[in-house]
Amino acid sequence: MHPGTSVRQNCIEKNGLSVTDAARVLGVDRQTLSNLLNAKSGISPEMAIRLEKAFGTPAREWLLRQLDYELAEAMRRTKKIKVEPFHAKSQSGERQEAR
C-alpha cells in the first residue's frame, strides 16, 4: 500500500480534515498533498517531519513506510533487473574462495 493511503486514513480522515485543511496544517500547497495522497509522489524527509509535527507519528516511521513501499515495487520488477553476478578474483586471476 502506498504510504499516501495511510496519510489519508490515519491523518486526514481520522481527524475529519479536508485535503485543503490538511495541506494548510502541514504548511504545503494542496497539490503537493494531493500528489502524495494519489500515489503520484512519495513521502520526502521534509514531509515526514511535517507529518510528525502535525499528527505525532514519528518521521522515521513515515520514511520506513515509504522505503518499504519502494522496495516492494522494485521487487515486483526484479526479473527485469539484469545484473551479472560479481566474483572477486585473486591477484593471480583465479576466483577467490569465500571464507
PDB file of N, CA and C in Angstrom:
ATOM      1  N   MET A   1       0.850  -1.178   0.000  1.00  0.00           N
ATOM      2  CA  MET A   1       0.000   0.000   0.000  1.00  0.00           C
ATOM      3  C   MET A   1       0.894   1.239   0.000  1.00  0.00           C
ATOM      4  N   HIS A   2       0.596   2.160  -0.874  1.00  0.00           N
ATOM      5  CA  HIS A   2       1.335   3.415  -0.925  1.00  0.00           C
ATOM      6  C   HIS A   2       1.126   4.164   0.393  1.00  0.00           C
ATOM      7  N   PRO A   3       2.188   4.765   0.946  1.00  0.00           N
ATOM      8  CA  PRO A   3       2.049   5.455   2.232  1.00  0.00           C
ATOM      9  C   PRO A   3       1.075   6.629   2.203  1.00  0.00           C
ATOM     10  N   GLY A   4       0.781   7.158   1.038  1.00  0.00           N
ATOM     11  CA  GLY A   4      -0.211   8.226   0.937  1.00  0.00           C
ATOM     12  C   GLY A   4      -1.592   7.757   1.404  1.00  0.00           C
ATOM     13  N   THR A   5      -1.867   6.481   1.204  1.00  0.00           N
ATOM     14  CA  THR A   5      -3.130   5.911   1.679  1.00  0.00           C
ATOM     15  C   THR A   5      -3.195   5.975   3.194  1.00  0.00           C
ATOM     16  N   SER A   6      -2.086   5.686   3.832  1.00  0.00           N
ATOM     17  CA  SER A   6      -2.012   5.742   5.287  1.00  0.00           C
ATOM     18  C   SER A   6      -2.166   7.179   5.786  1.00  0.00           C
ATOM     19  N   VAL A   7      -1.572   8.119   5.077  1.00  0.00           N
ATOM     20  CA  VAL A   7      -1.728   9.534   5.433  1.00  0.00           C
ATOM     21  C   VAL A   7      -3.206   9.917   5.335  1.00  0.00           C
ATOM     22  N   ARG A   8      -3.841   9.494   4.261  1.00  0.00           N
ATOM     23  CA  ARG A   8      -5.263   9.819   4.074  1.00  0.00           C
ATOM     24  C   ARG A   8      -6.103   9.246   5.224  1.00  0.00           C
ATOM     25  N   GLN A   9      -5.905   7.959   5.522  1.00  0.00           N
ATOM     26  CA  GLN A   9      -6.726   7.287   6.536  1.00  0.00           C
ATOM     27  C   GLN A   9      -6.406   7.741   7.955  1.00  0.00           C
ATOM     28  N   ASN A  10      -5.120   7.764   8.290  1.00  0.00           N
ATOM     29  CA  ASN A  10      -4.709   7.978   9.684  1.00  0.00           C
ATOM     30  C   ASN A  10      -4.533   9.435  10.094  1.00  0.00           C
ATOM     31  N   CYS A  11      -4.407  10.304   9.134  1.00  0.00           N
ATOM     32  CA  CYS A  11      -4.209  11.723   9.468  1.00  0.00           C
ATOM     33  C   CYS A  11      -5.398  12.570   9.045  1.00  0.00           C
ATOM     34  N   ILE A  12      -5.811  12.416   7.804  1.00  0.00           N
ATOM     35  CA  ILE A  12      -6.847  13.295   7.268  1.00  0.00           C
ATOM     36  C   ILE A  12      -8.249  12.841   7.673  1.00  0.00           C
ATOM     37  N   GLU A  13      -8.603  11.620   7.274  1.00  0.00           N
ATOM     38  CA  GLU A  13      -9.957  11.137   7.565  1.00  0.00           C
ATOM     39  C   GLU A  13     -10.190  10.972   9.064  1.00  0.00           C
ATOM     40  N   LYS A  14      -9.203  10.442   9.760  1.00  0.00           N
ATOM     41  CA  LYS A  14      -9.330  10.225  11.202  1.00  0.00           C
ATOM     42  C   LYS A  14      -9.623  11.526  11.951  1.00  0.00           C
ATOM     43  N   ASN A  15      -9.096  12.622  11.432  1.00  0.00           N
ATOM     44  CA  ASN A  15      -9.272  13.924  12.080  1.00  0.00           C
ATOM     45  C   ASN A  15     -10.345  14.786  11.425  1.00  0.00           C
ATOM     46  N   GLY A  16     -11.072  14.193  10.472  1.00  0.00           N
ATOM     47  CA  GLY A  16     -12.165  14.920   9.830  1.00  0.00           C
ATOM     48  C   GLY A  16     -11.723  16.125   9.027  1.00  0.00           C
ATOM     49  N   LEU A  17     -10.521  16.061   8.454  1.00  0.00           N
ATOM     50  CA  LEU A  17      -9.988  17.187   7.682  1.00  0.00           C
ATOM     51  C   LEU A  17     -10.271  17.016   6.202  1.00  0.00           C
ATOM     52  N   SER A  18     -10.403  18.109   5.516  1.00  0.00           N
ATOM     53  CA  SER A  18     -10.413  18.088   4.052  1.00  0.00           C
ATOM     54  C   SER A  18      -8.955  18.098   3.597  1.00  0.00           C
ATOM     55  N   VAL A  19      -8.735  17.809   2.347  1.00  0.00           N
ATOM     56  CA  VAL A  19      -7.369  17.867   1.808  1.00  0.00           C
ATOM     57  C   VAL A  19      -6.829  19.289   1.924  1.00  0.00           C
ATOM     58  N   THR A  20      -7.663  20.264   1.647  1.00  0.00           N
ATOM     59  CA  THR A  20      -7.255  21.667   1.742  1.00  0.00           C
ATOM     60  C   THR A  20      -6.861  22.027   3.171  1.00  0.00           C
ATOM     61  N   ASP A  21      -7.674  21.599   4.135  1.00  0.00           N
ATOM     62  CA  ASP A  21      -7.364  21.884   5.538  1.00  0.00           C
ATOM     63  C   ASP A  21      -6.085  21.170   5.978  1.00  0.00           C
ATOM     64  N   ALA A  22      -5.929  19.922   5.572  1.00  0.00           N
ATOM     65  CA  ALA A  22      -4.728  19.166   5.944  1.00  0.00           C
ATOM     66  C   ALA A  22      -3.485  19.797   5.337  1.00  0.00           C
ATOM     67  N   ALA A  23      -3.589  20.268   4.099  1.00  0.00           N
ATOM     68  CA  ALA A  23      -2.453  20.933   3.456  1.00  0.00           C
ATOM     69  C   ALA A  23      -2.071  22.187   4.243  1.00  0.00           C
ATOM     70  N   ARG A  24      -3.065  22.915   4.696  1.00  0.00           N
ATOM     71  CA  ARG A  24      -2.813  24.123   5.486  1.00  0.00           C
ATOM     72  C   ARG A  24      -2.106  23.749   6.793  1.00  0.00           C
ATOM     73  N   VAL A  25      -2.590  22.701   7.468  1.00  0.00           N
ATOM     74  CA  VAL A  25      -1.971  22.236   8.718  1.00  0.00           C
ATOM     75  C   VAL A  25      -0.512  21.860   8.484  1.00  0.00           C
ATOM     76  N   LEU A  26      -0.245  21.172   7.373  1.00  0.00           N
ATOM     77  CA  LEU A  26       1.110  20.699   7.066  1.00  0.00           C
ATOM     78  C   LEU A  26       2.008  21.800   6.504  1.00  0.00           C
ATOM     79  N   GLY A  27       1.431  22.911   6.101  1.00  0.00           N
ATOM     80  CA  GLY A  27       2.227  24.005   5.541  1.00  0.00           C
ATOM     81  C   GLY A  27       2.698  23.733   4.127  1.00  0.00           C
ATOM     82  N   VAL A  28       1.881  22.988   3.363  1.00  0.00           N
ATOM     83  CA  VAL A  28       2.198  22.705   1.960  1.00  0.00           C
ATOM     84  C   VAL A  28       1.002  23.116   1.115  1.00  0.00           C
ATOM     85  N   ASP A  29       1.212  23.212  -0.200  1.00  0.00           N
ATOM     86  CA  ASP A  29       0.055  23.542  -1.023  1.00  0.00           C
ATOM     87  C   ASP A  29      -0.793  22.294  -1.255  1.00  0.00           C
ATOM     88  N   ARG A  30      -2.027  22.521  -1.630  1.00  0.00           N
ATOM     89  CA  ARG A  30      -2.983  21.428  -1.788  1.00  0.00           C
ATOM     90  C   ARG A  30      -2.500  20.418  -2.822  1.00  0.00           C
ATOM     91  N   GLN A  31      -1.899  20.879  -3.905  1.00  0.00           N
ATOM     92  CA  GLN A  31      -1.438  19.979  -4.967  1.00  0.00           C
ATOM     93  C   GLN A  31      -0.348  19.043  -4.459  1.00  0.00           C
ATOM     94  N   THR A  32       0.552  19.539  -3.636  1.00  0.00           N
ATOM     95  CA  THR A  32       1.616  18.705  -3.072  1.00  0.00           C
ATOM     96  C   THR A  32       1.021  17.565  -2.256  1.00  0.00           C
ATOM     97  N   LEU A  33       0.058  17.893  -1.405  1.00  0.00           N
ATOM     98  CA  LEU A  33      -0.578  16.860  -0.595  1.00  0.00           C
ATOM     99  C   LEU A  33      -1.398  15.919  -1.463  1.00  0.00           C
ATOM    100  N   SER A  34      -2.108  16.457  -2.421  1.00  0.00           N
ATOM    101  CA  SER A  34      -2.909  15.631  -3.330  1.00  0.00           C
ATOM    102  C   SER A  34      -2.030  14.629  -4.074  1.00  0.00           C
ATOM    103  N   ASN A  35      -0.856  15.066  -4.521  1.00  0.00           N
ATOM    104  CA  ASN A  35       0.068  14.154  -5.207  1.00  0.00           C
ATOM    105  C   ASN A  35       0.469  12.990  -4.307  1.00  0.00           C
ATOM    106  N   LEU A  36       0.718  13.269  -3.046  1.00  0.00           N
ATOM    107  CA  LEU A  36       1.067  12.210  -2.097  1.00  0.00           C
ATOM    108  C   LEU A  36      -0.121  11.268  -1.897  1.00  0.00           C
ATOM    109  N   LEU A  37      -1.285  11.823  -1.671  1.00  0.00           N
ATOM    110  CA  LEU A  37      -2.469  11.014  -1.395  1.00  0.00           C
ATOM    111  C   LEU A  37      -2.871  10.147  -2.579  1.00  0.00           C
ATOM    112  N   ASN A  38      -2.556  10.602  -3.785  1.00  0.00           N
ATOM    113  CA  ASN A  38      -2.913   9.866  -5.002  1.00  0.00           C
ATOM    114  C   ASN A  38      -1.748   9.074  -5.582  1.00  0.00           C
ATOM    115  N   ALA A  39      -0.745   8.825  -4.754  1.00  0.00           N
ATOM    116  CA  ALA A  39       0.413   7.988  -5.116  1.00  0.00           C
ATOM    117  C   ALA A  39       1.187   8.524  -6.316  1.00  0.00           C
ATOM    118  N   LYS A  40       1.149   9.834  -6.515  1.00  0.00           N
ATOM    119  CA  LYS A  40       1.936  10.451  -7.585  1.00  0.00           C
ATOM    120  C   LYS A  40       3.287  10.916  -7.070  1.00  0.00           C
ATOM    121  N   SER A  41       3.428  10.968  -5.758  1.00  0.00           N
ATOM    122  CA  SER A  41       4.715  11.287  -5.127  1.00  0.00           C
ATOM    123  C   SER A  41       4.799  10.511  -3.830  1.00  0.00           C
ATOM    124  N   GLY A  42       6.000  10.465  -3.282  1.00  0.00           N
ATOM    125  CA  GLY A  42       6.213   9.747  -2.036  1.00  0.00           C
ATOM    126  C   GLY A  42       6.413  10.699  -0.874  1.00  0.00           C
ATOM    127  N   ILE A  43       6.697  10.105   0.269  1.00  0.00           N
ATOM    128  CA  ILE A  43       6.948  10.899   1.468  1.00  0.00           C
ATOM    129  C   ILE A  43       8.432  11.248   1.514  1.00  0.00           C
ATOM    130  N   SER A  44       8.724  12.520   1.388  1.00  0.00           N
ATOM    131  CA  SER A  44      10.107  13.003   1.481  1.00  0.00           C
ATOM    132  C   SER A  44      10.467  13.149   2.955  1.00  0.00           C
ATOM    133  N   PRO A  45      11.756  13.267   3.272  1.00  0.00           N
ATOM    134  CA  PRO A  45      12.129  13.519   4.667  1.00  0.00           C
ATOM    135  C   PRO A  45      11.448  14.766   5.237  1.00  0.00           C
ATOM    136  N   GLU A  46      11.334  15.816   4.433  1.00  0.00           N
ATOM    137  CA  GLU A  46      10.673  17.034   4.920  1.00  0.00           C
ATOM    138  C   GLU A  46       9.195  16.783   5.209  1.00  0.00           C
ATOM    139  N   MET A  47       8.516  16.065   4.311  1.00  0.00           N
ATOM    140  CA  MET A  47       7.099  15.766   4.540  1.00  0.00           C
ATOM    141  C   MET A  47       6.947  14.876   5.778  1.00  0.00           C
ATOM    142  N   ALA A  48       7.876  13.950   5.978  1.00  0.00           N
ATOM    143  CA  ALA A  48       7.822  13.087   7.164  1.00  0.00           C
ATOM    144  C   ALA A  48       7.898  13.932   8.442  1.00  0.00           C
ATOM    145  N   ILE A  49       8.747  14.943   8.439  1.00  0.00           N
ATOM    146  CA  ILE A  49       8.860  15.832   9.605  1.00  0.00           C
ATOM    147  C   ILE A  49       7.563  16.621   9.780  1.00  0.00           C
ATOM    148  N   ARG A  50       6.998  17.096   8.688  1.00  0.00           N
ATOM    149  CA  ARG A  50       5.736  17.841   8.769  1.00  0.00           C
ATOM    150  C   ARG A  50       4.630  16.955   9.356  1.00  0.00           C
ATOM    151  N   LEU A  51       4.569  15.694   8.897  1.00  0.00           N
ATOM    152  CA  LEU A  51       3.559  14.765   9.408  1.00  0.00           C
ATOM    153  C   LEU A  51       3.765  14.487  10.895  1.00  0.00           C
ATOM    154  N   GLU A  52       5.033  14.342  11.283  1.00  0.00           N
ATOM    155  CA  GLU A  52       5.325  14.131  12.704  1.00  0.00           C
ATOM    156  C   GLU A  52       4.874  15.327  13.542  1.00  0.00           C
ATOM    157  N   LYS A  53       5.237  16.511  13.099  1.00  0.00           N
ATOM    158  CA  LYS A  53       4.883  17.715  13.856  1.00  0.00           C
ATOM    159  C   LYS A  53       3.373  17.913  13.944  1.00  0.00           C
ATOM    160  N   ALA A  54       2.675  17.610  12.868  1.00  0.00           N
ATOM    161  CA  ALA A  54       1.235  17.847  12.834  1.00  0.00           C
ATOM    162  C   ALA A  54       0.431  16.743  13.520  1.00  0.00           C
ATOM    163  N   PHE A  55       0.819  15.478  13.294  1.00  0.00           N
ATOM    164  CA  PHE A  55      -0.038  14.370  13.728  1.00  0.00           C
ATOM    165  C   PHE A  55       0.609  13.409  14.726  1.00  0.00           C
ATOM    166  N   GLY A  56       1.894  13.597  15.009  1.00  0.00           N
ATOM    167  CA  GLY A  56       2.526  12.838  16.068  1.00  0.00           C
ATOM    168  C   GLY A  56       3.231  11.551  15.689  1.00  0.00           C
ATOM    169  N   THR A  57       2.949  10.992  14.520  1.00  0.00           N
ATOM    170  CA  THR A  57       3.643   9.767  14.105  1.00  0.00           C
ATOM    171  C   THR A  57       5.081  10.127  13.754  1.00  0.00           C
ATOM    172  N   PRO A  58       6.065   9.418  14.342  1.00  0.00           N
ATOM    173  CA  PRO A  58       7.466   9.770  14.111  1.00  0.00           C
ATOM    174  C   PRO A  58       7.854   9.809  12.622  1.00  0.00           C
ATOM    175  N   ALA A  59       8.663  10.789  12.274  1.00  0.00           N
ATOM    176  CA  ALA A  59       9.132  10.945  10.892  1.00  0.00           C
ATOM    177  C   ALA A  59       9.805   9.676  10.393  1.00  0.00           C
ATOM    178  N   ARG A  60      10.585   9.041  11.234  1.00  0.00           N
ATOM    179  CA  ARG A  60      11.276   7.807  10.845  1.00  0.00           C
ATOM    180  C   ARG A  60      10.277   6.733  10.412  1.00  0.00           C
ATOM    181  N   GLU A  61       9.154   6.657  11.108  1.00  0.00           N
ATOM    182  CA  GLU A  61       8.131   5.674  10.759  1.00  0.00           C
ATOM    183  C   GLU A  61       7.551   5.940   9.369  1.00  0.00           C
ATOM    184  N   TRP A  62       7.311   7.214   9.067  1.00  0.00           N
ATOM    185  CA  TRP A  62       6.810   7.557   7.737  1.00  0.00           C
ATOM    186  C   TRP A  62       7.824   7.201   6.657  1.00  0.00           C
ATOM    187  N   LEU A  63       9.091   7.485   6.931  1.00  0.00           N
ATOM    188  CA  LEU A  63      10.128   7.186   5.940  1.00  0.00           C
ATOM    189  C   LEU A  63      10.310   5.686   5.756  1.00  0.00           C
ATOM    190  N   LEU A  64      10.181   4.921   6.821  1.00  0.00           N
ATOM    191  CA  LEU A  64      10.273   3.462   6.698  1.00  0.00           C
ATOM    192  C   LEU A  64       9.114   2.911   5.873  1.00  0.00           C
ATOM    193  N   ARG A  65       7.931   3.480   6.048  1.00  0.00           N
ATOM    194  CA  ARG A  65       6.787   3.064   5.230  1.00  0.00           C
ATOM    195  C   ARG A  65       7.057   3.346   3.755  1.00  0.00           C
ATOM    196  N   GLN A  66       7.636   4.522   3.477  1.00  0.00           N
ATOM    197  CA  GLN A  66       7.962   4.878   2.095  1.00  0.00           C
ATOM    198  C   GLN A  66       9.009   3.919   1.527  1.00  0.00           C
ATOM    199  N   LEU A  67      10.038   3.644   2.313  1.00  0.00           N
ATOM    200  CA  LEU A  67      11.092   2.735   1.868  1.00  0.00           C
ATOM    201  C   LEU A  67      10.547   1.333   1.620  1.00  0.00           C
ATOM    202  N   ASP A  68       9.713   0.835   2.519  1.00  0.00           N
ATOM    203  CA  ASP A  68       9.105  -0.486   2.343  1.00  0.00           C
ATOM    204  C   ASP A  68       8.287  -0.539   1.061  1.00  0.00           C
ATOM    205  N   TYR A  69       7.544   0.524   0.791  1.00  0.00           N
ATOM    206  CA  TYR A  69       6.732   0.578  -0.419  1.00  0.00           C
ATOM    207  C   TYR A  69       7.627   0.554  -1.671  1.00  0.00           C
ATOM    208  N   GLU A  70       8.659   1.380  -1.674  1.00  0.00           N
ATOM    209  CA  GLU A  70       9.536   1.454  -2.844  1.00  0.00           C
ATOM    210  C   GLU A  70      10.264   0.137  -3.082  1.00  0.00           C
ATOM    211  N   LEU A  71      10.698  -0.519  -2.005  1.00  0.00           N
ATOM    212  CA  LEU A  71      11.373  -1.809  -2.154  1.00  0.00           C
ATOM    213  C   LEU A  71      10.404  -2.852  -2.696  1.00  0.00           C
ATOM    214  N   ALA A  72       9.181  -2.878  -2.196  1.00  0.00           N
ATOM    215  CA  ALA A  72       8.183  -3.830  -2.693  1.00  0.00           C
ATOM    216  C   ALA A  72       7.924  -3.610  -4.178  1.00  0.00           C
ATOM    217  N   GLU A  73       7.849  -2.349  -4.591  1.00  0.00           N
ATOM    218  CA  GLU A  73       7.649  -2.042  -6.008  1.00  0.00           C
ATOM    219  C   GLU A  73       8.833  -2.528  -6.848  1.00  0.00           C
ATOM    220  N   ALA A  74      10.037  -2.316  -6.368  1.00  0.00           N
ATOM    221  CA  ALA A  74      11.231  -2.775  -7.091  1.00  0.00           C
ATOM    222  C   ALA A  74      11.275  -4.295  -7.152  1.00  0.00           C
ATOM    223  N   MET A  75      10.885  -4.952  -6.077  1.00  0.00           N
ATOM    224  CA  MET A  75      10.901  -6.421  -6.047  1.00  0.00           C
ATOM    225  C   MET A  75       9.906  -6.999  -7.056  1.00  0.00           C
ATOM    226  N   ARG A  76       8.832  -6.302  -7.325  1.00  0.00           N
ATOM    227  CA  ARG A  76       7.872  -6.756  -8.334  1.00  0.00           C
ATOM    228  C   ARG A  76       8.495  -6.753  -9.725  1.00  0.00           C
ATOM    229  N   ARG A  77       9.501  -5.914  -9.906  1.00  0.00           N
ATOM    230  CA  ARG A  77      10.174  -5.797 -11.205  1.00  0.00           C
ATOM    231  C   ARG A  77      11.511  -6.522 -11.233  1.00  0.00           C
ATOM    232  N   THR A  78      11.778  -7.353 -10.247  1.00  0.00           N
ATOM    233  CA  THR A  78      13.109  -7.948 -10.105  1.00  0.00           C
ATOM    234  C   THR A  78      13.571  -8.728 -11.335  1.00  0.00           C
ATOM    235  N   LYS A  79      12.659  -9.380 -12.037  1.00  0.00           N
ATOM    236  CA  LYS A  79      13.055 -10.154 -13.225  1.00  0.00           C
ATOM    237  C   LYS A  79      13.521  -9.257 -14.359  1.00  0.00           C
ATOM    238  N   LYS A  80      13.110  -8.007 -14.347  1.00  0.00           N
ATOM    239  CA  LYS A  80      13.518  -7.065 -15.389  1.00  0.00           C
ATOM    240  C   LYS A  80      14.869  -6.416 -15.082  1.00  0.00           C
ATOM    241  N   ILE A  81      15.364  -6.607 -13.870  1.00  0.00           N
ATOM    242  CA  ILE A  81      16.636  -6.004 -13.473  1.00  0.00           C
ATOM    243  C   ILE A  81      17.748  -6.987 -13.820  1.00  0.00           C
ATOM    244  N   LYS A  82      18.499  -6.660 -14.836  1.00  0.00           N
ATOM    245  CA  LYS A  82      19.558  -7.553 -15.325  1.00  0.00           C
ATOM    246  C   LYS A  82      20.913  -7.108 -14.785  1.00  0.00           C
ATOM    247  N   VAL A  83      21.533  -7.989 -14.013  1.00  0.00           N
ATOM    248  CA  VAL A  83      22.841  -7.714 -13.435  1.00  0.00           C
ATOM    249  C   VAL A  83      23.645  -9.002 -13.455  1.00  0.00           C
ATOM    250  N   GLU A  84      24.892  -8.893 -13.854  1.00  0.00           N
ATOM    251  CA  GLU A  84      25.794 -10.041 -13.815  1.00  0.00           C
ATOM    252  C   GLU A  84      26.388 -10.162 -12.418  1.00  0.00           C
ATOM    253  N   PRO A  85      26.360 -11.354 -11.837  1.00  0.00           N
ATOM    254  CA  PRO A  85      26.967 -11.526 -10.504  1.00  0.00           C
ATOM    255  C   PRO A  85      28.451 -11.168 -10.529  1.00  0.00           C
ATOM    256  N   PHE A  86      28.908 -10.534  -9.486  1.00  0.00           N
ATOM    257  CA  PHE A  86      30.311 -10.149  -9.361  1.00  0.00           C
ATOM    258  C   PHE A  86      31.051 -11.242  -8.607  1.00  0.00           C
ATOM    259  N   HIS A  87      32.182 -11.654  -9.133  1.00  0.00           N
ATOM    260  CA  HIS A  87      33.032 -12.640  -8.478  1.00  0.00           C
ATOM    261  C   HIS A  87      34.423 -12.040  -8.331  1.00  0.00           C
ATOM    262  N   ALA A  88      34.824 -11.813  -7.096  1.00  0.00           N
ATOM    263  CA  ALA A  88      36.152 -11.255  -6.851  1.00  0.00           C
ATOM    264  C   ALA A  88      37.214 -12.242  -7.319  1.00  0.00           C
ATOM    265  N   LYS A  89      38.278 -11.697  -7.862  1.00  0.00           N
ATOM    266  CA  LYS A  89      39.389 -12.540  -8.316  1.00  0.00           C
ATOM    267  C   LYS A  89      40.614 -12.227  -7.488  1.00  0.00           C
ATOM    268  N   SER A  90      41.399 -13.239  -7.238  1.00  0.00           N
ATOM    269  CA  SER A  90      42.654 -13.020  -6.514  1.00  0.00           C
ATOM    270  C   SER A  90      43.641 -12.351  -7.464  1.00  0.00           C
ATOM    271  N   GLN A  91      44.788 -11.957  -6.939  1.00  0.00           N
ATOM    272  CA  GLN A  91      45.792 -11.283  -7.772  1.00  0.00           C
ATOM    273  C   GLN A  91      46.296 -12.178  -8.892  1.00  0.00           C
ATOM    274  N   SER A  92      46.238 -13.497  -8.698  1.00  0.00           N
ATOM    275  CA  SER A  92      46.708 -14.392  -9.746  1.00  0.00           C
ATOM    276  C   SER A  92      45.664 -14.619 -10.821  1.00  0.00           C
ATOM    277  N   GLY A  93      44.501 -13.981 -10.675  1.00  0.00           N
ATOM    278  CA  GLY A  93      43.475 -14.077 -11.694  1.00  0.00           C
ATOM    279  C   GLY A  93      42.464 -15.173 -11.435  1.00  0.00           C
ATOM    280  N   GLU A  94      42.648 -15.958 -10.390  1.00  0.00           N
ATOM    281  CA  GLU A  94      41.697 -17.016 -10.080  1.00  0.00           C
ATOM    282  C   GLU A  94      40.601 -16.476  -9.165  1.00  0.00           C
ATOM    283  N   ARG A  95      39.472 -17.144  -9.217  1.00  0.00           N
ATOM    284  CA  ARG A  95      38.374 -16.732  -8.357  1.00  0.00           C
ATOM    285  C   ARG A  95      38.734 -16.973  -6.904  1.00  0.00           C
ATOM    286  N   GLN A  96      38.437 -15.988  -6.086  1.00  0.00           N
ATOM    287  CA  GLN A  96      38.740 -16.097  -4.664  1.00  0.00           C
ATOM    288  C   GLN A  96      37.634 -16.873  -3.962  1.00  0.00           C
ATOM    289  N   GLU A  97      37.989 -17.839  -3.151  1.00  0.00           N
ATOM    290  CA  GLU A  97      37.014 -18.645  -2.430  1.00  0.00           C
ATOM    291  C   GLU A  97      36.433 -17.854  -1.279  1.00  0.00           C
ATOM    292  N   ALA A  98      35.155 -18.056  -1.033  1.00  0.00           N
ATOM    293  CA  ALA A  98      34.508 -17.408   0.111  1.00  0.00           C
ATOM    294  C   ALA A  98      34.994 -18.056   1.386  1.00  0.00           C
ATOM    295  N   ARG A  99      35.159 -17.260   2.414  1.00  0.00           N
ATOM    296  CA  ARG A  99      35.647 -17.789   3.690  1.00  0.00           C
ATOM    297  C   ARG A  99      34.511 -18.103   4.606  1.00  0.00           C
TER     298      ARG A  99
END
